[in-house]
């Protein structure tokens, strides 16, 4: 882009579900937890609008505005800061001084285990790189993503993936449609660090490696069981998680689970009609709920203007 041009990019950041989340111990040195998880992107998106123009400041300038599309908490200062850090990381990496204005329209509750903050950061990396003419390679973007958070590399890379390590090892999985789900937020957020701390206090029965490998050989549209080893810890902090799962089962969910470190939960339904009816019933009870499907595309640029 020329120095005086203004470029605007619209990026869509899909939420994710952890169909399986297994804790595999801790990494030596820093104590970060190691995971083995199957993540899929779903048909619920945050919208990130990025405007890039010339800057009078040598180091560039990043401004972030947020708006909630829902009547639940969807924005906090830490999330806006993560988006700002992502934009600043790109500008620093390419040694360009630009004014970057970001408008974040949130559709996902915070602290729900749906990857909203990580997805927004990944969308910022992808969108700003596109606005600047793609000076950074996919490998460079992945390196920046890992610095920002454990879920960001997945959000940047793939719609369906097996994620291992602390989140840096992302192996794309074949996309298979067919999972109709309802996501429900129980009205209380839980902090990831607190959930892992509580997990460390609990005795858990670990799955053997052979069982883990078998899990990943089953197409996710054929799954009848979900596993999240963080659930007991999260439920001890937020009992509403268990009650919300019960509500989903009462409304016809075949199987339920918590996503990520919570507090959002989801239930699998036979078809879209039943899923939509269940989501509507939950909203009538005053809960945030959405009917969603697994989607075959992850992070994407919807529009670029001004180039």
Protein backbone atom coordinates (compact mmCIF):
# COMPACT_ATOMS: atom_id res chain seq x y z
CA UNK A 1 0.00 0.00 0.00
CA UNK A 2 1.16 3.55 -0.66
CA UNK A 3 2.05 5.71 2.31
CA UNK A 4 -1.08 7.89 1.97
CA UNK A 5 -3.59 5.17 1.15
CA UNK A 6 -6.29 4.08 3.58
CA UNK A 7 -7.07 0.37 3.54
CA UNK A 8 -10.02 -1.22 5.32
CA UNK A 9 -10.30 -4.92 6.05
CA UNK A 10 -13.19 -6.93 7.46
CA UNK A 11 -12.18 -10.21 9.10
CA UNK A 12 -14.49 -12.83 10.59
CA UNK A 13 -13.28 -14.68 13.67
CA UNK A 14 -15.20 -17.91 14.35
CA UNK A 15 -15.70 -19.33 17.82
CA UNK A 16 -14.35 -22.80 18.54
CA UNK A 17 -15.46 -25.85 20.45
CA UNK A 18 -13.20 -28.37 22.15
CA UNK A 19 -14.82 -31.71 21.33
CA UNK A 20 -12.09 -33.33 23.39
CA UNK A 21 -9.63 -31.78 25.82
CA UNK A 22 -7.14 -33.95 27.61
CA UNK A 23 -4.45 -32.68 29.97
CA UNK A 24 -1.09 -34.39 29.42
CA UNK A 25 0.98 -33.01 32.29
CA UNK A 26 3.17 -29.92 32.46
CA UNK A 27 6.03 -28.54 30.43
CA UNK A 28 9.34 -28.42 32.25
CA UNK A 29 10.69 -25.03 33.19
CA UNK A 30 7.65 -22.78 32.97
CA UNK A 31 4.99 -25.21 34.25
CA UNK A 32 2.56 -24.61 31.38
CA UNK A 33 0.03 -27.41 31.00
CA UNK A 34 0.32 -29.70 27.99
CA UNK A 35 -2.91 -30.61 26.22
CA UNK A 36 -4.24 -32.91 23.53
CA UNK A 37 -7.44 -31.54 22.04
CA UNK A 38 -9.72 -31.65 19.02
CA UNK A 39 -10.96 -28.18 18.10
CA UNK A 40 -13.54 -27.24 15.48
CA UNK A 41 -14.71 -23.86 14.22
CA UNK A 42 -18.42 -23.08 14.44
CA UNK A 43 -20.92 -20.79 12.74
CA UNK A 44 -20.69 -17.96 15.26
CA UNK A 45 -18.35 -15.07 14.55
CA UNK A 46 -16.88 -11.90 15.97
CA UNK A 47 -16.33 -9.17 13.37
CA UNK A 48 -13.06 -7.25 13.27
CA UNK A 49 -12.86 -4.16 11.07
CA UNK A 50 -9.33 -2.82 10.57
CA UNK A 51 -8.46 0.56 9.06
CA UNK A 52 -4.83 1.26 8.14
CA UNK A 53 -3.55 4.71 7.19
CA UNK A 54 -0.45 6.88 7.43
CA UNK A 55 0.79 7.79 10.92
CA UNK A 56 2.59 10.87 12.20
CA UNK A 57 4.18 8.79 14.94
CA UNK A 58 7.44 6.96 14.35
CA UNK A 59 6.29 3.79 16.10
CA UNK A 60 2.76 3.79 14.70
CA UNK A 61 -0.52 4.07 16.58
CA UNK A 62 -3.11 1.39 17.41
CA UNK A 63 -6.62 2.27 18.59
CA UNK A 64 -9.20 -0.38 19.52
CA UNK A 65 -12.94 0.20 19.95
CA UNK A 66 -15.27 -2.55 21.11
CA UNK A 67 -19.01 -3.03 20.90
CA UNK A 68 -21.14 -5.82 22.33
CA UNK A 69 -23.77 -7.28 20.02
CA UNK A 70 -25.48 -9.03 22.93
CA UNK A 71 -26.88 -8.35 26.36
CA UNK A 72 -24.12 -10.30 28.10
CA UNK A 73 -20.52 -9.37 28.96
CA UNK A 74 -18.53 -9.79 25.76
CA UNK A 75 -15.74 -7.25 26.08
CA UNK A 76 -13.17 -6.53 28.73
CA UNK A 77 -9.96 -4.54 28.82
CA UNK A 78 -7.75 -7.64 28.57
CA UNK A 79 -9.35 -8.70 25.29
CA UNK A 80 -9.02 -5.22 23.76
CA UNK A 81 -5.41 -5.27 24.93
CA UNK A 82 -4.79 -8.63 23.24
CA UNK A 83 -6.10 -7.27 19.92
CA UNK A 84 -3.93 -4.18 20.35
CA UNK A 85 -0.89 -6.35 21.10
CA UNK A 86 -1.54 -8.40 17.95
CA UNK A 87 -1.64 -5.27 15.78
CA UNK A 88 1.46 -3.82 17.42
CA UNK A 89 3.31 -7.11 16.93
CA UNK A 90 2.65 -7.02 13.18
CA UNK A 91 3.76 -3.38 12.86
CA UNK A 92 6.93 -4.12 14.80
CA UNK A 93 7.67 -7.23 12.76
CA UNK A 94 7.42 -5.40 9.43
CA UNK A 95 9.04 -2.19 10.76
CA UNK A 96 6.23 0.00 9.50
CA UNK A 97 4.77 3.11 11.10
CA UNK A 98 1.01 3.11 10.50
CA UNK A 99 -2.13 4.26 12.19
CA UNK A 100 -4.33 1.22 12.84
CA UNK A 101 -7.95 1.69 13.89
CA UNK A 102 -9.74 -1.50 14.93
CA UNK A 103 -13.45 -1.86 15.55
CA UNK A 104 -14.32 -5.10 17.31
CA UNK A 105 -17.95 -6.20 17.25
CA UNK A 106 -18.31 -8.99 19.80
CA UNK A 107 -20.87 -11.77 19.65
CA UNK A 108 -19.22 -14.12 22.16
CA UNK A 109 -19.28 -13.98 25.96
CA UNK A 110 -15.96 -13.57 27.72
CA UNK A 111 -14.59 -16.41 29.83
CA UNK A 112 -16.77 -18.96 28.05
CA UNK A 113 -14.13 -21.29 26.60
CA UNK A 114 -15.14 -20.42 23.04
CA UNK A 115 -11.82 -18.85 22.06
CA UNK A 116 -13.25 -15.41 21.38
CA UNK A 117 -10.25 -13.40 22.52
CA UNK A 118 -7.79 -15.71 20.77
CA UNK A 119 -9.86 -15.67 17.58
CA UNK A 120 -9.96 -11.86 17.62
CA UNK A 121 -6.19 -11.69 18.03
CA UNK A 122 -5.70 -14.15 15.15
CA UNK A 123 -8.09 -12.17 12.95
CA UNK A 124 -6.12 -9.03 13.73
CA UNK A 125 -2.87 -10.70 12.70
CA UNK A 126 -4.39 -12.00 9.47
CA UNK A 127 -6.34 -8.84 8.63
CA UNK A 128 -3.55 -6.35 9.28
CA UNK A 129 -1.07 -8.48 7.34
CA UNK A 130 -3.51 -8.48 4.41
CA UNK A 131 -3.97 -4.71 4.64
CA UNK A 132 -0.20 -4.22 4.47
CA UNK A 133 0.10 -6.39 1.35
CA UNK A 134 0.95 -9.68 3.13
CA UNK A 135 4.58 -8.95 4.02
CA UNK A 136 4.58 -11.75 6.63
CA UNK A 137 4.60 -15.44 5.75
CA UNK A 138 2.28 -17.96 7.37
CA UNK A 139 5.23 -19.17 9.46
CA UNK A 140 5.95 -15.65 10.72
CA UNK A 141 2.29 -15.14 11.62
CA UNK A 142 2.24 -18.43 13.53
CA UNK A 143 5.30 -17.32 15.49
CA UNK A 144 3.55 -14.10 16.47
CA UNK A 145 0.36 -16.03 17.29
CA UNK A 146 2.11 -18.27 19.81
CA UNK A 147 3.51 -15.24 21.62
CA UNK A 148 -0.02 -13.92 22.10
CA UNK A 149 -1.66 -17.02 23.59
CA UNK A 150 -1.99 -20.79 23.49
CA UNK A 151 -5.20 -20.86 21.39
CA UNK A 152 -4.14 -18.20 18.87
CA UNK A 153 -2.07 -20.53 16.60
CA UNK A 154 -5.07 -22.83 16.15
CA UNK A 155 -7.42 -19.92 15.44
CA UNK A 156 -5.04 -18.68 12.78
CA UNK A 157 -4.39 -22.02 11.15
CA UNK A 158 -7.36 -24.29 10.71
CA UNK A 159 -11.10 -24.91 11.05
CA UNK A 160 -10.66 -28.42 12.49
CA UNK A 161 -7.42 -29.46 14.12
CA UNK A 162 -5.76 -31.60 16.73
CA UNK A 163 -3.82 -29.31 19.05
CA UNK A 164 -1.03 -30.56 21.30
CA UNK A 165 1.78 -29.19 23.42
CA UNK A 166 0.79 -25.86 24.98
CA UNK A 167 -1.16 -25.08 21.81
CA UNK A 168 1.71 -24.56 19.40
CA UNK A 169 1.41 -27.92 17.59
CA UNK A 170 -1.58 -27.70 15.24
CA UNK A 171 -2.43 -30.65 12.97
CA UNK A 172 -5.33 -29.97 10.58
CA UNK A 173 -8.08 -32.59 10.55
CA UNK A 174 -10.47 -33.43 7.68
CA UNK A 175 -13.62 -31.33 7.72
CA UNK A 176 -16.78 -33.38 8.16
CA UNK A 177 -20.11 -31.57 8.49
CA UNK A 178 -22.94 -32.97 10.52
CA UNK A 179 -22.52 -31.72 14.07
CA UNK A 180 -25.53 -29.63 15.13
CA UNK A 181 -24.97 -28.08 18.53
CA UNK A 182 -26.32 -25.57 21.01
CA UNK A 183 -23.89 -23.45 23.00
CA UNK A 184 -25.06 -22.05 26.31
CA UNK A 185 -23.27 -19.67 28.66
CA UNK A 186 -24.37 -20.19 32.29
CA UNK A 187 -24.03 -16.52 33.18
CA UNK A 188 -20.72 -16.74 35.02
CA UNK A 189 -17.20 -16.59 33.59
CA UNK A 190 -14.28 -18.59 34.93
CA UNK A 191 -10.60 -17.71 34.66
CA UNK A 192 -8.46 -20.25 32.81
CA UNK A 193 -5.60 -20.01 35.31
CA UNK A 194 -7.94 -20.71 38.20
CA UNK A 195 -9.40 -23.77 36.45
CA UNK A 196 -5.96 -25.27 35.82
CA UNK A 197 -4.93 -24.53 39.40
CA UNK A 198 -8.02 -26.36 40.65
CA UNK A 199 -7.34 -29.20 38.21
CA UNK A 200 -3.86 -29.65 39.71
CA UNK A 201 -5.45 -30.18 43.14
CA UNK A 202 -7.74 -32.94 41.92
CA UNK A 203 -7.03 -36.60 41.33
CA UNK A 204 -8.01 -37.54 37.77
CA UNK A 205 -8.09 -40.79 35.87
CA UNK A 206 -5.91 -40.30 32.79
CA UNK A 207 -6.75 -41.91 29.48
CA UNK A 208 -4.00 -44.15 28.11
CA UNK A 209 -2.35 -43.02 24.88
CA UNK A 210 -4.03 -45.86 22.95
CA UNK A 211 -7.46 -44.47 23.92
CA UNK A 212 -6.46 -40.95 22.84
CA UNK A 213 -5.33 -42.21 19.44
CA UNK A 214 -8.61 -44.11 19.02
CA UNK A 215 -10.57 -40.94 19.76
CA UNK A 216 -8.96 -39.12 16.87
CA UNK A 217 -9.74 -41.91 14.42
CA UNK A 218 -13.49 -41.37 14.88
CA UNK A 219 -15.06 -38.77 12.52
CA UNK A 220 -16.45 -36.05 14.75
CA UNK A 221 -19.91 -36.21 13.16
CA UNK A 222 -20.14 -39.81 14.42
CA UNK A 223 -19.11 -39.06 18.00
CA UNK A 224 -21.48 -39.97 20.79
CA UNK A 225 -19.22 -38.93 23.65
CA UNK A 226 -17.21 -35.81 24.40
CA UNK A 227 -14.40 -35.57 26.95
CA UNK A 228 -13.06 -32.56 28.79
CA UNK A 229 -10.76 -33.33 31.70
CA UNK A 230 -11.04 -29.75 32.99
CA UNK A 231 -14.78 -30.06 33.63
CA UNK A 232 -14.66 -31.26 37.26
CA UNK A 233 -12.30 -28.41 38.18
CA UNK A 234 -14.42 -25.79 36.41
CA UNK A 235 -17.64 -27.16 37.93
CA UNK A 236 -16.16 -26.88 41.42
CA UNK A 237 -15.66 -23.17 40.75
CA UNK A 238 -18.89 -22.64 38.82
CA UNK A 239 -21.65 -25.18 39.71
CA UNK A 240 -23.89 -23.53 37.10
CA UNK A 241 -21.90 -25.42 34.46
CA UNK A 242 -23.39 -28.72 35.63
CA UNK A 243 -26.90 -27.26 35.82
CA UNK A 244 -26.60 -25.89 32.30
CA UNK A 245 -25.56 -29.30 30.98
CA UNK A 246 -28.63 -30.78 32.68
CA UNK A 247 -30.82 -28.20 30.96
CA UNK A 248 -29.37 -29.13 27.57
CA UNK A 249 -30.00 -32.83 28.17
CA UNK A 250 -33.57 -32.09 29.26
CA UNK A 251 -34.09 -30.29 25.95
CA UNK A 252 -32.91 -33.30 23.95
CA UNK A 253 -29.11 -33.07 23.70
CA UNK A 254 -27.59 -36.48 22.99
CA UNK A 255 -24.34 -35.56 24.68
CA UNK A 256 -23.01 -32.47 26.44
CA UNK A 257 -19.60 -31.09 27.40
CA UNK A 258 -17.83 -27.97 28.48
CA UNK A 259 -15.68 -26.18 25.90
CA UNK A 260 -12.11 -25.25 26.77
CA UNK A 261 -11.68 -24.19 30.37
CA UNK A 262 -15.31 -23.06 30.51
CA UNK A 263 -17.71 -21.83 31.44
CA UNK A 264 -19.60 -22.29 28.16
CA UNK A 265 -21.11 -25.71 27.50
CA UNK A 266 -22.55 -27.30 24.40
CA UNK A 267 -24.90 -30.09 23.51
CA UNK A 268 -25.13 -32.19 20.34
CA UNK A 269 -28.58 -32.52 18.75
CA UNK A 270 -30.03 -34.78 16.06
CA UNK A 271 -30.75 -31.96 13.63
CA UNK A 272 -30.89 -28.19 13.13
CA UNK A 273 -34.60 -27.96 13.96
CA UNK A 274 -34.20 -29.51 17.40
CA UNK A 275 -31.08 -27.46 18.09
CA UNK A 276 -32.81 -24.20 17.24
CA UNK A 277 -35.79 -25.10 19.41
CA UNK A 278 -33.51 -25.88 22.35
CA UNK A 279 -31.60 -22.61 21.96
CA UNK A 280 -34.87 -20.70 21.87
CA UNK A 281 -36.07 -22.45 25.05
CA UNK A 282 -32.83 -21.58 26.86
CA UNK A 283 -33.07 -17.94 25.83
CA UNK A 284 -36.63 -17.91 27.19
CA UNK A 285 -35.11 -18.94 30.53
CA UNK A 286 -32.88 -15.85 30.42
CA UNK A 287 -29.70 -17.62 29.31
CA UNK A 288 -27.39 -16.78 26.42
CA UNK A 289 -27.68 -19.62 23.90
CA UNK A 290 -27.02 -20.12 20.19
CA UNK A 291 -27.68 -22.91 17.72
CA UNK A 292 -24.51 -23.55 15.70
CA UNK A 293 -22.95 -25.95 13.22
CA UNK A 294 -19.37 -26.96 12.54
CA UNK A 295 -17.99 -24.93 9.61
CA UNK A 296 -15.34 -25.89 7.10
CA UNK A 297 -13.54 -22.56 7.06
CA UNK A 298 -11.69 -20.96 9.94
CA UNK A 299 -10.35 -17.43 10.13
CA UNK A 300 -11.03 -15.52 6.95
CA UNK A 301 -10.86 -12.13 5.29
CA UNK A 302 -14.34 -11.14 4.19
CA UNK A 303 -13.50 -7.89 2.44
CA UNK A 304 -10.60 -5.55 1.58
CA UNK A 305 -11.26 -1.99 0.41
CA UNK A 306 -8.85 0.72 -0.71
CA UNK A 307 -6.08 -1.35 -2.24
